[in-house]
Amino acid sequence: DVATDKIVRKLRFPDIPAGAMSGPDGNLYVSFASGYLGVYNPQTGATIRKPIWTGGVGTFWFSFSKDGRK
């Protein structure tokens, strides 16, 4: 909770998270040290879409297009 700075839930992932961002669709997008990017339900941590390989380093640098489609 950003207002109280308290942990309200813990999510477990199959890899080491490198970055995370809320997407325009309300889902949680998490990039991993292995080069994958996954989409998760921010409330439950359930996988929404199978992680995709982005490759390379700096997997924590990602953004969304203006229309939210990419």
PDB file of N, CA and C in Angstrom:
ATOM      1  N   ASP A   1       0.855  -1.172   0.000  1.00  0.00           N
ATOM      2  CA  ASP A   1       0.000   0.000   0.000  1.00  0.00           C
ATOM      3  C   ASP A   1       0.899   1.233   0.000  1.00  0.00           C
ATOM      4  N   VAL A   2       0.845   2.009  -1.064  1.00  0.00           N
ATOM      5  CA  VAL A   2       1.741   3.165  -1.172  1.00  0.00           C
ATOM      6  C   VAL A   2       1.405   4.272  -0.176  1.00  0.00           C
ATOM      7  N   ALA A   3       0.162   4.308   0.284  1.00  0.00           N
ATOM      8  CA  ALA A   3      -0.217   5.338   1.247  1.00  0.00           C
ATOM      9  C   ALA A   3       0.346   5.045   2.641  1.00  0.00           C
ATOM     10  N   THR A   4       0.413   3.763   3.004  1.00  0.00           N
ATOM     11  CA  THR A   4       0.873   3.390   4.346  1.00  0.00           C
ATOM     12  C   THR A   4       2.258   2.754   4.355  1.00  0.00           C
ATOM     13  N   ASP A   5       2.800   2.452   3.167  1.00  0.00           N
ATOM     14  CA  ASP A   5       4.104   1.815   3.027  1.00  0.00           C
ATOM     15  C   ASP A   5       4.131   0.431   3.685  1.00  0.00           C
ATOM     16  N   LYS A   6       2.998  -0.251   3.659  1.00  0.00           N
ATOM     17  CA  LYS A   6       2.900  -1.588   4.237  1.00  0.00           C
ATOM     18  C   LYS A   6       2.669  -2.623   3.142  1.00  0.00           C
ATOM     19  N   ILE A   7       3.232  -3.797   3.343  1.00  0.00           N
ATOM     20  CA  ILE A   7       3.041  -4.899   2.402  1.00  0.00           C
ATOM     21  C   ILE A   7       1.639  -5.464   2.597  1.00  0.00           C
ATOM     22  N   VAL A   8       0.872  -5.524   1.522  1.00  0.00           N
ATOM     23  CA  VAL A   8      -0.500  -6.044   1.598  1.00  0.00           C
ATOM     24  C   VAL A   8      -0.623  -7.417   0.938  1.00  0.00           C
ATOM     25  N   ARG A   9       0.360  -7.794   0.110  1.00  0.00           N
ATOM     26  CA  ARG A   9       0.341  -9.117  -0.515  1.00  0.00           C
ATOM     27  C   ARG A   9       1.725  -9.394  -1.074  1.00  0.00           C
ATOM     28  N   LYS A  10       2.067 -10.664  -1.108  1.00  0.00           N
ATOM     29  CA  LYS A  10       3.336 -11.088  -1.697  1.00  0.00           C
ATOM     30  C   LYS A  10       3.028 -11.949  -2.905  1.00  0.00           C
ATOM     31  N   LEU A  11       3.705 -11.678  -3.992  1.00  0.00           N
ATOM     32  CA  LEU A  11       3.535 -12.456  -5.212  1.00  0.00           C
ATOM     33  C   LEU A  11       4.810 -13.249  -5.456  1.00  0.00           C
ATOM     34  N   ARG A  12       4.651 -14.480  -5.881  1.00  0.00           N
ATOM     35  CA  ARG A  12       5.799 -15.340  -6.177  1.00  0.00           C
ATOM     36  C   ARG A  12       5.911 -15.511  -7.691  1.00  0.00           C
ATOM     37  N   PHE A  13       7.140 -15.428  -8.176  1.00  0.00           N
ATOM     38  CA  PHE A  13       7.392 -15.553  -9.602  1.00  0.00           C
ATOM     39  C   PHE A  13       8.434 -16.637  -9.850  1.00  0.00           C
ATOM     40  N   PRO A  14       8.458 -17.201 -11.076  1.00  0.00           N
ATOM     41  CA  PRO A  14       9.387 -18.289 -11.376  1.00  0.00           C
ATOM     42  C   PRO A  14      10.818 -17.824 -11.646  1.00  0.00           C
ATOM     43  N   ASP A  15      11.061 -16.535 -11.591  1.00  0.00           N
ATOM     44  CA  ASP A  15      12.361 -15.979 -11.937  1.00  0.00           C
ATOM     45  C   ASP A  15      12.608 -14.740 -11.084  1.00  0.00           C
ATOM     46  N   ILE A  16      13.764 -14.129 -11.237  1.00  0.00           N
ATOM     47  CA  ILE A  16      14.114 -12.925 -10.487  1.00  0.00           C
ATOM     48  C   ILE A  16      13.530 -11.703 -11.192  1.00  0.00           C
ATOM     49  N   PRO A  17      12.573 -10.989 -10.556  1.00  0.00           N
ATOM     50  CA  PRO A  17      12.002  -9.792 -11.180  1.00  0.00           C
ATOM     51  C   PRO A  17      13.065  -8.701 -11.333  1.00  0.00           C
ATOM     52  N   ALA A  18      13.072  -8.039 -12.473  1.00  0.00           N
ATOM     53  CA  ALA A  18      13.997  -6.938 -12.731  1.00  0.00           C
ATOM     54  C   ALA A  18      13.261  -5.604 -12.767  1.00  0.00           C
ATOM     55  N   GLY A  19      11.975  -5.632 -13.098  1.00  0.00           N
ATOM     56  CA  GLY A  19      11.169  -4.416 -13.155  1.00  0.00           C
ATOM     57  C   GLY A  19       9.702  -4.785 -13.217  1.00  0.00           C
ATOM     58  N   ALA A  20       8.853  -3.860 -12.818  1.00  0.00           N
ATOM     59  CA  ALA A  20       7.409  -4.110 -12.848  1.00  0.00           C
ATOM     60  C   ALA A  20       6.680  -2.797 -13.094  1.00  0.00           C
ATOM     61  N   MET A  21       5.571  -2.908 -13.809  1.00  0.00           N
ATOM     62  CA  MET A  21       4.785  -1.720 -14.123  1.00  0.00           C
ATOM     63  C   MET A  21       3.330  -2.115 -14.334  1.00  0.00           C
ATOM     64  N   SER A  22       2.439  -1.247 -13.922  1.00  0.00           N
ATOM     65  CA  SER A  22       1.018  -1.444 -14.190  1.00  0.00           C
ATOM     66  C   SER A  22       0.751  -1.061 -15.638  1.00  0.00           C
ATOM     67  N   GLY A  23       0.096  -1.955 -16.371  1.00  0.00           N
ATOM     68  CA  GLY A  23      -0.196  -1.699 -17.779  1.00  0.00           C
ATOM     69  C   GLY A  23      -1.487  -0.936 -17.968  1.00  0.00           C
ATOM     70  N   PRO A  24      -1.755  -0.456 -19.178  1.00  0.00           N
ATOM     71  CA  PRO A  24      -2.979   0.285 -19.458  1.00  0.00           C
ATOM     72  C   PRO A  24      -4.235  -0.574 -19.299  1.00  0.00           C
ATOM     73  N   ASP A  25      -4.053  -1.892 -19.282  1.00  0.00           N
ATOM     74  CA  ASP A  25      -5.180  -2.806 -19.093  1.00  0.00           C
ATOM     75  C   ASP A  25      -5.390  -3.170 -17.621  1.00  0.00           C
ATOM     76  N   GLY A  26      -4.585  -2.596 -16.716  1.00  0.00           N
ATOM     77  CA  GLY A  26      -4.721  -2.855 -15.289  1.00  0.00           C
ATOM     78  C   GLY A  26      -3.942  -4.070 -14.816  1.00  0.00           C
ATOM     79  N   ASN A  27      -3.284  -4.787 -15.717  1.00  0.00           N
ATOM     80  CA  ASN A  27      -2.491  -5.948 -15.345  1.00  0.00           C
ATOM     81  C   ASN A  27      -1.088  -5.522 -14.934  1.00  0.00           C
ATOM     82  N   LEU A  28      -0.404  -6.417 -14.233  1.00  0.00           N
ATOM     83  CA  LEU A  28       0.956  -6.169 -13.781  1.00  0.00           C
ATOM     84  C   LEU A  28       1.929  -6.797 -14.776  1.00  0.00           C
ATOM     85  N   TYR A  29       2.797  -5.991 -15.354  1.00  0.00           N
ATOM     86  CA  TYR A  29       3.804  -6.456 -16.299  1.00  0.00           C
ATOM     87  C   TYR A  29       5.133  -6.537 -15.554  1.00  0.00           C
ATOM     88  N   VAL A  30       5.731  -7.727 -15.555  1.00  0.00           N
ATOM     89  CA  VAL A  30       6.971  -7.952 -14.822  1.00  0.00           C
ATOM     90  C   VAL A  30       8.035  -8.455 -15.782  1.00  0.00           C
ATOM     91  N   SER A  31       9.176  -7.773 -15.783  1.00  0.00           N
ATOM     92  CA  SER A  31      10.312  -8.245 -16.570  1.00  0.00           C
ATOM     93  C   SER A  31      11.246  -8.998 -15.628  1.00  0.00           C
ATOM     94  N   PHE A  32      11.921  -9.995 -16.182  1.00  0.00           N
ATOM     95  CA  PHE A  32      12.777 -10.853 -15.372  1.00  0.00           C
ATOM     96  C   PHE A  32      14.220 -10.788 -15.837  1.00  0.00           C
ATOM     97  N   ALA A  33      15.122 -11.118 -14.929  1.00  0.00           N
ATOM     98  CA  ALA A  33      16.555 -11.092 -15.206  1.00  0.00           C
ATOM     99  C   ALA A  33      16.924 -12.024 -16.357  1.00  0.00           C
ATOM    100  N   SER A  34      16.136 -13.052 -16.602  1.00  0.00           N
ATOM    101  CA  SER A  34      16.410 -14.011 -17.670  1.00  0.00           C
ATOM    102  C   SER A  34      16.063 -13.473 -19.056  1.00  0.00           C
ATOM    103  N   GLY A  35      15.387 -12.306 -19.136  1.00  0.00           N
ATOM    104  CA  GLY A  35      15.025 -11.719 -20.422  1.00  0.00           C
ATOM    105  C   GLY A  35      13.572 -11.918 -20.795  1.00  0.00           C
ATOM    106  N   TYR A  36      12.776 -12.494 -19.905  1.00  0.00           N
ATOM    107  CA  TYR A  36      11.359 -12.703 -20.183  1.00  0.00           C
ATOM    108  C   TYR A  36      10.519 -11.561 -19.615  1.00  0.00           C
ATOM    109  N   LEU A  37       9.339 -11.372 -20.193  1.00  0.00           N
ATOM    110  CA  LEU A  37       8.370 -10.388 -19.731  1.00  0.00           C
ATOM    111  C   LEU A  37       7.043 -11.119 -19.558  1.00  0.00           C
ATOM    112  N   GLY A  38       6.485 -11.061 -18.360  1.00  0.00           N
ATOM    113  CA  GLY A  38       5.235 -11.753 -18.075  1.00  0.00           C
ATOM    114  C   GLY A  38       4.131 -10.782 -17.702  1.00  0.00           C
ATOM    115  N   VAL A  39       2.884 -11.239 -17.835  1.00  0.00           N
ATOM    116  CA  VAL A  39       1.712 -10.439 -17.504  1.00  0.00           C
ATOM    117  C   VAL A  39       0.941 -11.180 -16.416  1.00  0.00           C
ATOM    118  N   TYR A  40       0.639 -10.478 -15.311  1.00  0.00           N
ATOM    119  CA  TYR A  40       0.045 -11.110 -14.140  1.00  0.00           C
ATOM    120  C   TYR A  40      -1.129 -10.302 -13.590  1.00  0.00           C
ATOM    121  N   ASN A  41      -2.015 -11.004 -12.921  1.00  0.00           N
ATOM    122  CA  ASN A  41      -3.106 -10.357 -12.208  1.00  0.00           C
ATOM    123  C   ASN A  41      -2.492  -9.712 -10.964  1.00  0.00           C
ATOM    124  N   PRO A  42      -2.640  -8.394 -10.775  1.00  0.00           N
ATOM    125  CA  PRO A  42      -1.986  -7.734  -9.650  1.00  0.00           C
ATOM    126  C   PRO A  42      -2.577  -8.118  -8.287  1.00  0.00           C
ATOM    127  N   GLN A  43      -3.781  -8.644  -8.257  1.00  0.00           N
ATOM    128  CA  GLN A  43      -4.402  -9.030  -6.996  1.00  0.00           C
ATOM    129  C   GLN A  43      -4.011 -10.435  -6.553  1.00  0.00           C
ATOM    130  N   THR A  44      -3.924 -11.354  -7.508  1.00  0.00           N
ATOM    131  CA  THR A  44      -3.691 -12.761  -7.168  1.00  0.00           C
ATOM    132  C   THR A  44      -2.315 -13.271  -7.572  1.00  0.00           C
ATOM    133  N   GLY A  45      -1.673 -12.604  -8.524  1.00  0.00           N
ATOM    134  CA  GLY A  45      -0.398 -13.066  -9.042  1.00  0.00           C
ATOM    135  C   GLY A  45      -0.545 -14.123 -10.123  1.00  0.00           C
ATOM    136  N   ALA A  46      -1.786 -14.463 -10.477  1.00  0.00           N
ATOM    137  CA  ALA A  46      -2.031 -15.473 -11.505  1.00  0.00           C
ATOM    138  C   ALA A  46      -1.505 -14.987 -12.859  1.00  0.00           C
ATOM    139  N   THR A  47      -0.939 -15.907 -13.627  1.00  0.00           N
ATOM    140  CA  THR A  47      -0.418 -15.586 -14.949  1.00  0.00           C
ATOM    141  C   THR A  47      -1.570 -15.302 -15.907  1.00  0.00           C
ATOM    142  N   ILE A  48      -1.541 -14.144 -16.556  1.00  0.00           N
ATOM    143  CA  ILE A  48      -2.555 -13.764 -17.537  1.00  0.00           C
ATOM    144  C   ILE A  48      -2.141 -14.267 -18.919  1.00  0.00           C
ATOM    145  N   ARG A  49      -0.880 -14.037 -19.262  1.00  0.00           N
ATOM    146  CA  ARG A  49      -0.316 -14.483 -20.534  1.00  0.00           C
ATOM    147  C   ARG A  49       1.031 -15.139 -20.291  1.00  0.00           C
ATOM    148  N   LYS A  50       1.327 -16.155 -21.078  1.00  0.00           N
ATOM    149  CA  LYS A  50       2.605 -16.833 -20.979  1.00  0.00           C
ATOM    150  C   LYS A  50       3.731 -15.819 -21.215  1.00  0.00           C
ATOM    151  N   PRO A  51       4.790 -15.828 -20.380  1.00  0.00           N
ATOM    152  CA  PRO A  51       5.893 -14.880 -20.572  1.00  0.00           C
ATOM    153  C   PRO A  51       6.511 -14.995 -21.965  1.00  0.00           C
ATOM    154  N   ILE A  52       6.914 -13.848 -22.492  1.00  0.00           N
ATOM    155  CA  ILE A  52       7.554 -13.808 -23.809  1.00  0.00           C
ATOM    156  C   ILE A  52       9.030 -13.463 -23.634  1.00  0.00           C
ATOM    157  N   TRP A  53       9.843 -13.933 -24.542  1.00  0.00           N
ATOM    158  CA  TRP A  53      11.278 -13.668 -24.522  1.00  0.00           C
ATOM    159  C   TRP A  53      11.545 -12.300 -25.149  1.00  0.00           C
ATOM    160  N   THR A  54      12.177 -11.423 -24.391  1.00  0.00           N
ATOM    161  CA  THR A  54      12.536 -10.108 -24.924  1.00  0.00           C
ATOM    162  C   THR A  54      14.011 -10.062 -25.276  1.00  0.00           C
ATOM    163  N   GLY A  55      14.786 -10.908 -24.640  1.00  0.00           N
ATOM    164  CA  GLY A  55      16.210 -11.033 -24.920  1.00  0.00           C
ATOM    165  C   GLY A  55      17.040  -9.878 -24.408  1.00  0.00           C
ATOM    166  N   GLY A  56      18.319 -10.068 -24.431  1.00  0.00           N
ATOM    167  CA  GLY A  56      19.248  -9.004 -24.080  1.00  0.00           C
ATOM    168  C   GLY A  56      19.270  -8.640 -22.612  1.00  0.00           C
ATOM    169  N   VAL A  57      19.897  -7.512 -22.344  1.00  0.00           N
ATOM    170  CA  VAL A  57      20.003  -6.985 -20.983  1.00  0.00           C
ATOM    171  C   VAL A  57      19.100  -5.770 -20.855  1.00  0.00           C
ATOM    172  N   GLY A  58      18.902  -5.311 -19.651  1.00  0.00           N
ATOM    173  CA  GLY A  58      18.050  -4.140 -19.430  1.00  0.00           C
ATOM    174  C   GLY A  58      16.575  -4.455 -19.637  1.00  0.00           C
ATOM    175  N   THR A  59      16.161  -5.649 -19.217  1.00  0.00           N
ATOM    176  CA  THR A  59      14.760  -6.039 -19.412  1.00  0.00           C
ATOM    177  C   THR A  59      13.799  -5.194 -18.590  1.00  0.00           C
ATOM    178  N   PHE A  60      14.330  -4.382 -17.689  1.00  0.00           N
ATOM    179  CA  PHE A  60      13.483  -3.508 -16.869  1.00  0.00           C
ATOM    180  C   PHE A  60      13.083  -2.247 -17.627  1.00  0.00           C
ATOM    181  N   TRP A  61      13.626  -2.019 -18.816  1.00  0.00           N
ATOM    182  CA  TRP A  61      13.251  -0.867 -19.631  1.00  0.00           C
ATOM    183  C   TRP A  61      12.176  -1.274 -20.620  1.00  0.00           C
ATOM    184  N   PHE A  62      10.954  -0.990 -20.300  1.00  0.00           N
ATOM    185  CA  PHE A  62       9.867  -1.245 -21.229  1.00  0.00           C
ATOM    186  C   PHE A  62       8.781  -0.201 -21.025  1.00  0.00           C
ATOM    187  N   SER A  63       7.974   0.001 -22.041  1.00  0.00           N
ATOM    188  CA  SER A  63       6.897   0.979 -21.979  1.00  0.00           C
ATOM    189  C   SER A  63       5.758   0.497 -22.867  1.00  0.00           C
ATOM    190  N   PHE A  64       4.698   1.272 -22.908  1.00  0.00           N
ATOM    191  CA  PHE A  64       3.526   0.925 -23.705  1.00  0.00           C
ATOM    192  C   PHE A  64       3.292   1.989 -24.758  1.00  0.00           C
ATOM    193  N   SER A  65       2.802   1.559 -25.920  1.00  0.00           N
ATOM    194  CA  SER A  65       2.485   2.539 -26.960  1.00  0.00           C
ATOM    195  C   SER A  65       1.295   3.376 -26.499  1.00  0.00           C
ATOM    196  N   LYS A  66       1.103   4.494 -27.124  1.00  0.00           N
ATOM    197  CA  LYS A  66       0.055   5.423 -26.731  1.00  0.00           C
ATOM    198  C   LYS A  66      -1.331   4.774 -26.765  1.00  0.00           C
ATOM    199  N   ASP A  67      -1.560   3.886 -27.745  1.00  0.00           N
ATOM    200  CA  ASP A  67      -2.865   3.227 -27.825  1.00  0.00           C
ATOM    201  C   ASP A  67      -2.961   1.998 -26.908  1.00  0.00           C
ATOM    202  N   GLY A  68      -1.858   1.656 -26.195  1.00  0.00           N
ATOM    203  CA  GLY A  68      -1.874   0.556 -25.256  1.00  0.00           C
ATOM    204  C   GLY A  68      -1.828  -0.830 -25.882  1.00  0.00           C
ATOM    205  N   ARG A  69      -1.609  -0.914 -27.184  1.00  0.00           N
ATOM    206  CA  ARG A  69      -1.614  -2.204 -27.854  1.00  0.00           C
ATOM    207  C   ARG A  69      -0.242  -2.882 -27.870  1.00  0.00           C
ATOM    208  N   LYS A  70       0.818  -2.122 -27.677  1.00  0.00           N
ATOM    209  CA  LYS A  70       2.177  -2.682 -27.664  1.00  0.00           C
ATOM    210  C   LYS A  70       2.967  -2.119 -26.512  1.00  0.00           C
TER     211      LYS A  70
END
